[in-house]
Amino acid sequence: MTVNDFAKILRHPAARLESEDYYVAHKTGQTGYKAHFRLHDLWYWYSVSGTSVSVSRFEVADAITHPDCSVDREGSYKREKGFEATVRLNGHSYMLGHGNNRPFGKKEI
């Protein structure tokens, strides 16, 4: 999977938001937004730093494919069973993730 593949999944009409929440980063005290969604039986999530408002999956897809964004890391994790990436644009970090299991400890919507 690549960041561009992740953006296509974010834009997929069958993707369903399952939970969302705000967070405060321990190191910086900066607020952010996180969301978890599902497409068929697979789980995806993203977080956006430096925001106190919700950020739609379509806004994230646009940001992570913007010509001025920078991809800091992109690749598999947990022995290639998942995907993670960090993309930066306009002072925000977009952390992306994918895995087969539902994320735990998340607020349901």
N, C-alpha and C. Protein backbone atom coordinates (compact mmCIF):
# COMPACT_ATOMS: atom_id res chain seq x y z
N MET A 1 0.84 -1.17 0.00
CA MET A 1 0.00 0.00 0.00
C MET A 1 0.89 1.24 0.00
N THR A 2 0.38 2.31 -0.58
CA THR A 2 1.07 3.59 -0.62
C THR A 2 0.13 4.67 -0.07
N VAL A 3 0.64 5.86 0.11
CA VAL A 3 -0.19 6.98 0.54
C VAL A 3 -1.28 7.24 -0.50
N ASN A 4 -0.95 7.15 -1.76
CA ASN A 4 -1.97 7.35 -2.81
C ASN A 4 -3.06 6.28 -2.75
N ASP A 5 -2.68 5.03 -2.46
CA ASP A 5 -3.67 3.97 -2.29
C ASP A 5 -4.58 4.28 -1.11
N PHE A 6 -3.98 4.77 -0.01
CA PHE A 6 -4.76 5.11 1.18
C PHE A 6 -5.76 6.23 0.84
N ALA A 7 -5.34 7.20 0.06
CA ALA A 7 -6.24 8.29 -0.35
C ALA A 7 -7.42 7.76 -1.16
N LYS A 8 -7.17 6.80 -2.03
CA LYS A 8 -8.27 6.19 -2.80
C LYS A 8 -9.27 5.50 -1.89
N ILE A 9 -8.77 4.84 -0.86
CA ILE A 9 -9.65 4.17 0.10
C ILE A 9 -10.46 5.21 0.88
N LEU A 10 -9.81 6.31 1.28
CA LEU A 10 -10.53 7.37 1.98
C LEU A 10 -11.68 7.91 1.14
N ARG A 11 -11.50 7.95 -0.16
CA ARG A 11 -12.54 8.49 -1.06
C ARG A 11 -13.58 7.45 -1.48
N HIS A 12 -13.38 6.20 -1.12
CA HIS A 12 -14.29 5.13 -1.55
C HIS A 12 -15.69 5.36 -0.95
N PRO A 13 -16.73 5.29 -1.78
CA PRO A 13 -18.08 5.58 -1.27
C PRO A 13 -18.58 4.59 -0.22
N ALA A 14 -18.03 3.39 -0.16
CA ALA A 14 -18.49 2.40 0.82
C ALA A 14 -17.76 2.49 2.15
N ALA A 15 -16.74 3.33 2.26
CA ALA A 15 -16.01 3.48 3.53
C ALA A 15 -16.96 4.07 4.57
N ARG A 16 -16.91 3.52 5.78
CA ARG A 16 -17.86 3.91 6.83
C ARG A 16 -17.12 4.35 8.09
N LEU A 17 -17.40 5.58 8.54
CA LEU A 17 -16.82 6.09 9.77
C LEU A 17 -17.37 5.28 10.95
N GLU A 18 -16.46 4.77 11.79
CA GLU A 18 -16.87 3.95 12.94
C GLU A 18 -16.68 4.67 14.26
N SER A 19 -15.65 5.50 14.37
CA SER A 19 -15.42 6.24 15.61
C SER A 19 -14.55 7.45 15.32
N GLU A 20 -14.66 8.43 16.21
CA GLU A 20 -13.84 9.63 16.09
C GLU A 20 -13.65 10.21 17.48
N ASP A 21 -12.60 11.00 17.63
CA ASP A 21 -12.30 11.58 18.94
C ASP A 21 -11.24 12.66 18.75
N TYR A 22 -11.02 13.42 19.80
CA TYR A 22 -9.94 14.41 19.83
C TYR A 22 -8.89 13.90 20.80
N TYR A 23 -7.68 14.38 20.66
CA TYR A 23 -6.62 13.97 21.56
C TYR A 23 -5.73 15.16 21.88
N VAL A 24 -4.94 15.01 22.93
CA VAL A 24 -3.92 15.99 23.28
C VAL A 24 -2.59 15.23 23.30
N ALA A 25 -1.63 15.69 22.51
CA ALA A 25 -0.32 15.05 22.44
C ALA A 25 0.42 15.25 23.76
N HIS A 26 0.97 14.17 24.29
CA HIS A 26 1.67 14.22 25.58
C HIS A 26 2.90 15.12 25.54
N LYS A 27 3.66 15.05 24.47
CA LYS A 27 4.92 15.81 24.41
C LYS A 27 4.70 17.30 24.18
N THR A 28 3.76 17.65 23.30
CA THR A 28 3.61 19.05 22.91
C THR A 28 2.39 19.73 23.51
N GLY A 29 1.42 18.96 23.97
CA GLY A 29 0.16 19.53 24.46
C GLY A 29 -0.76 19.99 23.35
N GLN A 30 -0.37 19.71 22.12
CA GLN A 30 -1.13 20.12 20.95
C GLN A 30 -2.36 19.21 20.78
N THR A 31 -3.49 19.81 20.41
CA THR A 31 -4.69 19.02 20.18
C THR A 31 -4.70 18.47 18.76
N GLY A 32 -5.47 17.42 18.57
CA GLY A 32 -5.61 16.81 17.25
C GLY A 32 -6.90 16.04 17.16
N TYR A 33 -7.14 15.50 16.00
CA TYR A 33 -8.37 14.76 15.70
C TYR A 33 -7.98 13.39 15.16
N LYS A 34 -8.75 12.37 15.53
CA LYS A 34 -8.50 11.03 15.00
C LYS A 34 -9.82 10.38 14.63
N ALA A 35 -9.77 9.55 13.61
CA ALA A 35 -10.97 8.86 13.13
C ALA A 35 -10.60 7.44 12.70
N HIS A 36 -11.56 6.54 12.88
CA HIS A 36 -11.40 5.13 12.50
C HIS A 36 -12.55 4.78 11.59
N PHE A 37 -12.24 4.12 10.50
CA PHE A 37 -13.30 3.74 9.58
C PHE A 37 -13.02 2.37 9.01
N ARG A 38 -14.03 1.85 8.38
CA ARG A 38 -13.95 0.49 7.85
C ARG A 38 -14.38 0.49 6.40
N LEU A 39 -13.71 -0.30 5.62
CA LEU A 39 -14.11 -0.58 4.25
C LEU A 39 -14.14 -2.09 4.13
N HIS A 40 -15.34 -2.62 3.99
CA HIS A 40 -15.57 -4.06 4.01
C HIS A 40 -15.09 -4.61 5.35
N ASP A 41 -14.18 -5.55 5.39
CA ASP A 41 -13.73 -6.13 6.66
C ASP A 41 -12.40 -5.56 7.14
N LEU A 42 -11.90 -4.52 6.50
CA LEU A 42 -10.60 -3.96 6.86
C LEU A 42 -10.77 -2.62 7.56
N TRP A 43 -9.87 -2.35 8.50
CA TRP A 43 -9.93 -1.14 9.31
C TRP A 43 -8.83 -0.17 8.89
N TYR A 44 -9.18 1.12 8.94
CA TYR A 44 -8.27 2.20 8.60
C TYR A 44 -8.43 3.30 9.63
N TRP A 45 -7.39 4.07 9.85
CA TRP A 45 -7.48 5.18 10.78
C TRP A 45 -6.52 6.27 10.37
N TYR A 46 -6.82 7.47 10.82
CA TYR A 46 -5.93 8.60 10.59
C TYR A 46 -6.05 9.55 11.77
N SER A 47 -5.02 10.32 11.96
CA SER A 47 -5.07 11.42 12.92
C SER A 47 -4.45 12.64 12.26
N VAL A 48 -4.90 13.79 12.72
CA VAL A 48 -4.43 15.07 12.19
C VAL A 48 -4.01 15.92 13.37
N SER A 49 -2.76 16.33 13.38
CA SER A 49 -2.26 17.15 14.48
C SER A 49 -2.62 18.61 14.28
N GLY A 50 -2.63 19.33 15.39
CA GLY A 50 -2.79 20.78 15.32
C GLY A 50 -4.16 21.25 14.90
N THR A 51 -5.20 20.54 15.30
CA THR A 51 -6.55 20.97 14.97
C THR A 51 -7.49 20.66 16.12
N SER A 52 -8.50 21.49 16.27
CA SER A 52 -9.52 21.25 17.28
C SER A 52 -10.89 21.04 16.63
N VAL A 53 -10.88 20.81 15.32
CA VAL A 53 -12.11 20.53 14.58
C VAL A 53 -11.98 19.19 13.88
N SER A 54 -13.11 18.57 13.58
CA SER A 54 -13.07 17.30 12.87
C SER A 54 -12.59 17.52 11.43
N VAL A 55 -11.91 16.53 10.91
CA VAL A 55 -11.35 16.58 9.56
C VAL A 55 -11.89 15.36 8.82
N SER A 56 -12.65 15.60 7.76
CA SER A 56 -13.28 14.49 7.03
C SER A 56 -12.24 13.66 6.29
N ARG A 57 -12.62 12.45 5.97
CA ARG A 57 -11.72 11.57 5.22
C ARG A 57 -11.41 12.16 3.84
N PHE A 58 -12.35 12.91 3.29
CA PHE A 58 -12.11 13.53 1.98
C PHE A 58 -11.09 14.66 2.09
N GLU A 59 -11.15 15.42 3.18
CA GLU A 59 -10.14 16.47 3.41
C GLU A 59 -8.75 15.86 3.62
N VAL A 60 -8.70 14.74 4.34
CA VAL A 60 -7.42 14.06 4.54
C VAL A 60 -6.89 13.54 3.21
N ALA A 61 -7.76 12.94 2.39
CA ALA A 61 -7.34 12.43 1.08
C ALA A 61 -6.76 13.56 0.23
N ASP A 62 -7.41 14.71 0.25
CA ASP A 62 -6.89 15.85 -0.52
C ASP A 62 -5.54 16.32 0.02
N ALA A 63 -5.41 16.36 1.35
CA ALA A 63 -4.15 16.83 1.95
C ALA A 63 -2.98 15.90 1.66
N ILE A 64 -3.21 14.59 1.78
CA ILE A 64 -2.09 13.64 1.63
C ILE A 64 -1.69 13.42 0.17
N THR A 65 -2.49 13.95 -0.75
CA THR A 65 -2.12 13.88 -2.18
C THR A 65 -1.81 15.27 -2.75
N HIS A 66 -1.78 16.26 -1.89
CA HIS A 66 -1.49 17.62 -2.33
C HIS A 66 -0.06 17.69 -2.87
N PRO A 67 0.18 18.44 -3.92
CA PRO A 67 1.54 18.51 -4.49
C PRO A 67 2.59 19.05 -3.52
N ASP A 68 2.18 19.84 -2.52
CA ASP A 68 3.14 20.42 -1.59
C ASP A 68 3.36 19.59 -0.33
N CYS A 69 2.70 18.46 -0.20
CA CYS A 69 2.87 17.65 1.01
C CYS A 69 4.20 16.91 0.96
N SER A 70 4.67 16.50 2.13
CA SER A 70 5.87 15.67 2.18
C SER A 70 5.54 14.39 2.95
N VAL A 71 5.97 13.27 2.39
CA VAL A 71 5.76 11.97 3.02
C VAL A 71 7.01 11.66 3.83
N ASP A 72 6.86 11.66 5.15
CA ASP A 72 8.01 11.40 6.03
C ASP A 72 8.31 9.92 6.13
N ARG A 73 7.29 9.12 6.18
CA ARG A 73 7.48 7.66 6.20
C ARG A 73 6.25 7.02 5.61
N GLU A 74 6.46 5.84 5.05
CA GLU A 74 5.38 5.12 4.36
C GLU A 74 5.81 3.67 4.26
N GLY A 75 5.00 2.77 4.78
CA GLY A 75 5.37 1.37 4.65
C GLY A 75 4.58 0.46 5.55
N SER A 76 5.00 -0.77 5.58
CA SER A 76 4.29 -1.79 6.35
C SER A 76 4.75 -1.77 7.80
N TYR A 77 3.92 -2.36 8.65
CA TYR A 77 4.29 -2.57 10.04
C TYR A 77 3.70 -3.90 10.48
N LYS A 78 4.14 -4.37 11.63
CA LYS A 78 3.71 -5.66 12.17
C LYS A 78 3.88 -6.77 11.14
N ARG A 79 5.10 -6.88 10.67
CA ARG A 79 5.48 -7.93 9.71
C ARG A 79 4.60 -7.94 8.47
N GLU A 80 4.38 -6.73 7.96
CA GLU A 80 3.67 -6.52 6.70
C GLU A 80 2.20 -6.86 6.75
N LYS A 81 1.61 -6.92 7.96
CA LYS A 81 0.17 -7.14 8.07
C LYS A 81 -0.60 -5.84 8.06
N GLY A 82 0.09 -4.73 8.07
CA GLY A 82 -0.58 -3.44 8.10
C GLY A 82 0.21 -2.40 7.34
N PHE A 83 -0.24 -1.17 7.47
CA PHE A 83 0.37 -0.04 6.78
C PHE A 83 0.37 1.15 7.72
N GLU A 84 1.42 1.97 7.63
CA GLU A 84 1.43 3.23 8.35
C GLU A 84 2.24 4.25 7.56
N ALA A 85 1.85 5.51 7.74
CA ALA A 85 2.55 6.59 7.05
C ALA A 85 2.36 7.88 7.83
N THR A 86 3.28 8.79 7.63
CA THR A 86 3.16 10.15 8.16
C THR A 86 3.37 11.11 7.00
N VAL A 87 2.41 11.99 6.83
CA VAL A 87 2.45 12.98 5.75
C VAL A 87 2.30 14.35 6.40
N ARG A 88 3.08 15.32 5.93
CA ARG A 88 3.02 16.67 6.50
C ARG A 88 2.61 17.68 5.42
N LEU A 89 1.74 18.60 5.87
CA LEU A 89 1.29 19.68 4.97
C LEU A 89 0.78 20.84 5.82
N ASN A 90 1.27 22.03 5.53
CA ASN A 90 0.79 23.26 6.17
C ASN A 90 0.77 23.19 7.69
N GLY A 91 1.81 22.65 8.28
CA GLY A 91 1.92 22.61 9.73
C GLY A 91 1.15 21.49 10.40
N HIS A 92 0.50 20.64 9.65
CA HIS A 92 -0.23 19.49 10.19
C HIS A 92 0.50 18.21 9.84
N SER A 93 0.45 17.27 10.76
CA SER A 93 0.93 15.91 10.48
C SER A 93 -0.30 15.01 10.34
N TYR A 94 -0.31 14.23 9.27
CA TYR A 94 -1.38 13.27 9.01
C TYR A 94 -0.79 11.89 9.21
N MET A 95 -1.20 11.22 10.27
CA MET A 95 -0.73 9.88 10.54
C MET A 95 -1.79 8.91 10.03
N LEU A 96 -1.38 7.98 9.20
CA LEU A 96 -2.29 7.05 8.53
C LEU A 96 -1.98 5.64 8.99
N GLY A 97 -3.01 4.81 9.10
CA GLY A 97 -2.80 3.43 9.48
C GLY A 97 -3.86 2.51 8.92
N HIS A 98 -3.49 1.25 8.79
CA HIS A 98 -4.39 0.22 8.27
C HIS A 98 -4.03 -1.11 8.92
N GLY A 99 -5.04 -1.88 9.23
CA GLY A 99 -4.81 -3.21 9.78
C GLY A 99 -6.06 -4.06 9.67
N ASN A 100 -5.94 -5.31 10.01
CA ASN A 100 -7.07 -6.23 9.92
C ASN A 100 -7.98 -6.18 11.14
N ASN A 101 -7.46 -5.65 12.25
CA ASN A 101 -8.21 -5.67 13.50
C ASN A 101 -8.79 -4.31 13.83
N ARG A 102 -9.93 -4.33 14.49
CA ARG A 102 -10.56 -3.10 14.94
C ARG A 102 -9.69 -2.44 16.01
N PRO A 103 -9.47 -1.12 15.90
CA PRO A 103 -8.70 -0.42 16.93
C PRO A 103 -9.46 -0.44 18.26
N PHE A 104 -8.74 -0.58 19.37
CA PHE A 104 -9.36 -0.62 20.69
C PHE A 104 -9.36 0.76 21.34
N GLY A 105 -10.23 0.92 22.32
CA GLY A 105 -10.25 2.13 23.12
C GLY A 105 -10.71 3.35 22.36
N LYS A 106 -11.60 3.19 21.42
CA LYS A 106 -12.03 4.31 20.60
C LYS A 106 -13.49 4.64 20.90
N LYS A 107 -13.83 5.95 20.87
CA LYS A 107 -15.20 6.38 21.06
C LYS A 107 -16.03 6.04 19.83
N GLU A 108 -17.13 5.37 20.05
CA GLU A 108 -18.03 5.06 18.95
C GLU A 108 -18.85 6.29 18.60
N ILE A 109 -19.25 6.39 17.35
CA ILE A 109 -20.12 7.50 16.98
C ILE A 109 -21.55 7.03 16.81
